[in-house]
Amino acid sequence: MRVLTWNCQGQLGHKQHLLHHVAPDIAVVQECSLEDVRSLNEGAQFVWQSKQTDPAATKGLGILALNPSVVIKPLALPEQWSSLMKSDSGRMDVVIPVEVLAPRRINVLAVWSYNNRRRRSEMHKLRGPVLCALDFLGDWLSKAPSLVIGDFNNHPSFDKSRTGKNLFSEHVYTLERLGMKSLYHESRREAHGEEVTNSHFWTGRKYYHIDYIFASEQLRKASHFCIMSFEEMKALRVPSDHVPLWADFPEN
């Protein structure tokens, strides 16, 4: 079973040949529209959510079951989560938990994080959206083979200019405490912040590795990880400031 994450930077309908090229069974896609997700999935299962801070947003986080044999089920969110969203709607706006029921049982926490950006100044020091989700869903992630996957918009170098409770190092620590590690860093034997292959080019600035697939130990043991290069993206004529990452897992 192949699981992919990719920030498509919009217009997914015009870039779907990349998904056909990689052929994932499940695709976690950031910055896609609801219309493109519906069209691409052709009636199959999907979950889509826009930013809670902007209910009229045309871009969101989509989870697409592109293989008809895949069965996904959105997780019923804890009441505490709903209360937190109402009190601070920017806090957990693009974090979606789903259960993959077939062809094998996996819990997936899909991420498109803004890391407290665009919030009132007094709220920048609050615990970030991914960490909040891990607080609520840690037991759920620990009870089954699990993935935390997506665009974290986060990197160790960003910690140097931050204070408070949303450091990237805290993300890595929290995930490792749940038994989860980054497939890129495990497979490449590279430390966080020392990536040879990066996933995002910040226009006019530099490359960063900010997209991740964190996997529980059971999934890591039998996984095969891949990341597309920006050169391959150009060859496919797919414009985006992110490259896709994906991993293959056995179906049983």
Foldseek 3Di string as FASTA:
>chain_A
DKEKEEAQLEPCQVVVVVCVVVVGQKYWYWFYFPVSLCVQQVPADKDWFDFQVDRPDRTTIMIHRNDNQKDKAWDDDDPVVVVVCVVPVRAQGHWTWMWTVPPHTEIEIEDDFPQCPPHPPVCNQPAHNVVVVCVRCLVVCLVGWYKYWYFQVAAQVVQVVDDHHHHVVVVQVSLVVSQKDWLVCVVVVDDTVGDPAAFFQDPPDGGHHGTTIITHPVFSVAKDKDWDHVVVCVVSVRDDRGTMIMMDGDSD
